[in-house]
C-alpha atoms as a PDB file:
ATOM      1  CA  MET A   1      -7.519   4.698 -28.849  1.00  0.00           C
ATOM      2  CA  ALA A   2      -8.048   1.503 -26.925  1.00  0.00           C
ATOM      3  CA  GLN A   3     -10.060   1.621 -23.298  1.00  0.00           C
ATOM      4  CA  TRP A   4      -8.485   0.244 -20.248  1.00  0.00           C
ATOM      5  CA  LEU A   5      -9.711  -0.211 -16.612  1.00  0.00           C
ATOM      6  CA  TYR A   6      -8.162  -0.572 -13.807  1.00  0.00           C
ATOM      7  CA  ARG A   7      -9.958  -1.478 -10.088  1.00  0.00           C
ATOM      8  CA  ILE A   8      -8.815  -0.538  -6.733  1.00  0.00           C
ATOM      9  CA  VAL A   9      -8.925  -1.847  -2.792  1.00  0.00           C
ATOM     10  CA  PRO A  10      -8.292  -0.523  -0.190  1.00  0.00           C
ATOM     11  CA  THR A  11      -5.522  -1.793   1.563  1.00  0.00           C
ATOM     12  CA  ARG A  12      -6.012  -1.779   4.293  1.00  0.00           C
ATOM     13  CA  PRO A  13      -9.749  -2.306   5.130  1.00  0.00           C
ATOM     14  CA  GLU A  14     -10.830  -0.584   7.805  1.00  0.00           C
ATOM     15  CA  MET A  15      -9.278   2.438   5.871  1.00  0.00           C
ATOM     16  CA  VAL A  16     -12.039   3.422   4.450  1.00  0.00           C
ATOM     17  CA  ALA A  17     -14.409   4.125   7.607  1.00  0.00           C
ATOM     18  CA  ASP A  18     -10.989   5.681   9.412  1.00  0.00           C
ATOM     19  CA  PRO A  19      -9.153   6.892   7.628  1.00  0.00           C
ATOM     20  CA  THR A  20      -5.530   8.087   9.685  1.00  0.00           C
ATOM     21  CA  ALA A  21      -4.628  11.774   8.368  1.00  0.00           C
ATOM     22  CA  ASP A  22      -2.261  10.236   6.331  1.00  0.00           C
ATOM     23  CA  GLU A  23      -3.831   8.074   3.700  1.00  0.00           C
ATOM     24  CA  GLN A  24      -7.226  11.253   3.815  1.00  0.00           C
ATOM     25  CA  ARG A  25      -4.492  13.001   2.478  1.00  0.00           C
ATOM     26  CA  ILE A  26      -2.550  10.869   0.229  1.00  0.00           C
ATOM     27  CA  VAL A  27      -6.677   9.798  -1.451  1.00  0.00           C
ATOM     28  CA  SER A  28      -7.387  13.965  -1.540  1.00  0.00           C
ATOM     29  CA  ALA A  29      -4.661  13.826  -4.127  1.00  0.00           C
ATOM     30  CA  HIS A  30      -5.614  10.694  -5.630  1.00  0.00           C
ATOM     31  CA  PHE A  31      -9.158  12.331  -6.377  1.00  0.00           C
ATOM     32  CA  ARG A  32      -6.906  15.833  -7.584  1.00  0.00           C
ATOM     33  CA  TYR A  33      -5.227  13.078 -10.147  1.00  0.00           C
ATOM     34  CA  LEU A  34      -8.480  11.924 -11.454  1.00  0.00           C
ATOM     35  CA  VAL A  35     -10.293  14.896 -11.766  1.00  0.00           C
ATOM     36  CA  ASP A  36      -6.544  15.804 -14.307  1.00  0.00           C
ATOM     37  CA  LEU A  37      -7.214  12.834 -16.531  1.00  0.00           C
ATOM     38  CA  LYS A  38     -10.644  13.713 -16.741  1.00  0.00           C
ATOM     39  CA  GLU A  39      -9.943  18.007 -17.727  1.00  0.00           C
ATOM     40  CA  ARG A  40      -6.665  15.775 -20.196  1.00  0.00           C
ATOM     41  CA  GLY A  41      -9.439  14.401 -21.385  1.00  0.00           C
ATOM     42  CA  VAL A  42      -7.856  10.854 -20.425  1.00  0.00           C
ATOM     43  CA  LEU A  43     -10.271  10.126 -17.708  1.00  0.00           C
ATOM     44  CA  ILE A  44     -13.784   7.596 -18.950  1.00  0.00           C
ATOM     45  CA  LEU A  45     -15.256   7.988 -15.223  1.00  0.00           C
ATOM     46  CA  ALA A  46     -14.241   6.643 -12.496  1.00  0.00           C
ATOM     47  CA  GLY A  47     -15.672   5.611  -8.672  1.00  0.00           C
ATOM     48  CA  ARG A  48     -16.195   3.134  -5.783  1.00  0.00           C
ATOM     49  CA  THR A  49     -18.845   0.833  -4.154  1.00  0.00           C
ATOM     50  CA  GLN A  50     -20.726   2.719  -1.386  1.00  0.00           C
ATOM     51  CA  GLU A  51     -20.293  -0.297   1.251  1.00  0.00           C
ATOM     52  CA  HIS A  52     -17.554  -0.179   3.785  1.00  0.00           C
ATOM     53  CA  ALA A  53     -16.401  -3.900   3.371  1.00  0.00           C
ATOM     54  CA  ASP A  54     -15.280  -5.408   0.830  1.00  0.00           C
ATOM     55  CA  THR A  55     -15.277  -1.858  -1.360  1.00  0.00           C
ATOM     56  CA  PHE A  56     -13.378  -1.094  -4.367  1.00  0.00           C
ATOM     57  CA  GLY A  57     -13.533   1.732  -6.991  1.00  0.00           C
ATOM     58  CA  ILE A  58     -12.637   1.272 -11.022  1.00  0.00           C
ATOM     59  CA  THR A  59     -11.285   3.842 -13.547  1.00  0.00           C
ATOM     60  CA  ILE A  60     -12.587   3.680 -17.019  1.00  0.00           C
ATOM     61  CA  PHE A  61      -9.879   5.626 -19.304  1.00  0.00           C
ATOM     62  CA  GLU A  62      -8.292   5.727 -22.681  1.00  0.00           C
ATOM     63  CA  ALA A  63      -4.521   5.406 -23.243  1.00  0.00           C
ATOM     64  CA  ASP A  64      -2.633   3.950 -26.593  1.00  0.00           C
ATOM     65  CA  ASP A  65      -1.073   0.830 -25.373  1.00  0.00           C
ATOM     66  CA  GLU A  66      -0.704  -1.487 -21.950  1.00  0.00           C
ATOM     67  CA  ALA A  67       2.295  -0.087 -21.518  1.00  0.00           C
ATOM     68  CA  ALA A  68       0.153   3.826 -21.720  1.00  0.00           C
ATOM     69  CA  ALA A  69      -2.084   1.913 -19.030  1.00  0.00           C
ATOM     70  CA  ARG A  70      -0.335   0.484 -16.463  1.00  0.00           C
ATOM     71  CA  ALA A  71       1.053   4.380 -16.199  1.00  0.00           C
ATOM     72  CA  VAL A  72      -1.378   5.422 -15.911  1.00  0.00           C
ATOM     73  CA  MET A  73      -2.460   3.439 -12.812  1.00  0.00           C
ATOM     74  CA  ASP A  74       0.762   3.087 -11.188  1.00  0.00           C
ATOM     75  CA  GLY A  75       0.545   7.458 -11.441  1.00  0.00           C
ATOM     76  CA  ASP A  76      -2.122   7.287  -9.410  1.00  0.00           C
ATOM     77  CA  PRO A  77      -0.813   8.891  -6.200  1.00  0.00           C
ATOM     78  CA  ALA A  78      -2.764   6.538  -4.291  1.00  0.00           C
ATOM     79  CA  VAL A  79      -1.764   3.260  -5.690  1.00  0.00           C
ATOM     80  CA  ALA A  80       1.635   4.917  -5.702  1.00  0.00           C
ATOM     81  CA  ALA A  81       1.996   5.445  -2.037  1.00  0.00           C
ATOM     82  CA  GLY A  82       0.382   2.006  -1.632  1.00  0.00           C
ATOM     83  CA  VAL A  83      -3.367   2.941   0.043  1.00  0.00           C
ATOM     84  CA  PHE A  84      -5.224   1.251  -2.526  1.00  0.00           C
ATOM     85  CA  ALA A  85      -4.045  -2.442  -4.771  1.00  0.00           C
ATOM     86  CA  ALA A  86      -4.953  -1.965  -8.430  1.00  0.00           C
ATOM     87  CA  SER A  87      -5.454  -4.631 -10.976  1.00  0.00           C
ATOM     88  CA  LEU A  88      -5.886  -3.556 -15.075  1.00  0.00           C
ATOM     89  CA  HIS A  89      -7.218  -4.133 -17.757  1.00  0.00           C
ATOM     90  CA  PRO A  90      -8.436  -3.830 -21.054  1.00  0.00           C
ATOM     91  CA  TYR A  91     -12.078  -2.241 -21.185  1.00  0.00           C
ATOM     92  CA  ALA A  92     -14.245  -1.618 -23.926  1.00  0.00           C
ATOM     93  CA  VAL A  93     -17.223   0.419 -23.270  1.00  0.00           C
ATOM     94  CA  ALA A  94     -20.172  -1.355 -24.950  1.00  0.00           C
ATOM     95  CA  VAL A  95     -23.136   0.939 -23.764  1.00  0.00           C
ATOM     96  CA  ALA A  96     -23.241   4.213 -22.808  1.00  0.00           C
ATOM     97  CA  ARG A  97     -25.903   6.510 -21.469  1.00  0.00           C
ATOM     98  CA  ASP A  98     -25.521  10.249 -23.691  1.00  0.00           C
ATOM     99  CA  GLY A  99     -22.065  11.955 -23.678  1.00  0.00           C
ATOM    100  CA  LEU A 100     -19.772   8.873 -22.254  1.00  0.00           C
ATOM    101  CA  ALA A 101     -17.406   7.687 -24.058  1.00  0.00           C
ATOM    102  CA  GLY A 102     -18.623   5.211 -26.694  1.00  0.00           C
ATOM    103  CA  SER A 103     -22.003   5.981 -27.044  1.00  0.00           C
END
């Protein structure tokens, strides 16, 4: 199975420090979506940078092909709602700590 990465950035940069109630709800759904991907064995890792300015997140996961990978990215509630803009990239974990895919 191929590995993929989708990169997300907030469409409203101020959201990181001052989210609206709707953004908070959508980001919570985003987090639950990532946990579900992990529990289904799809997600390798996900996280975001810890600065407020120019922050971005990455999700590294497995999918059979680009269409399936795009479906995973587009299924992210925060991407679907437009809270995050996303870009998809083929990826390969080269070195990882024990317990992470590709190690």
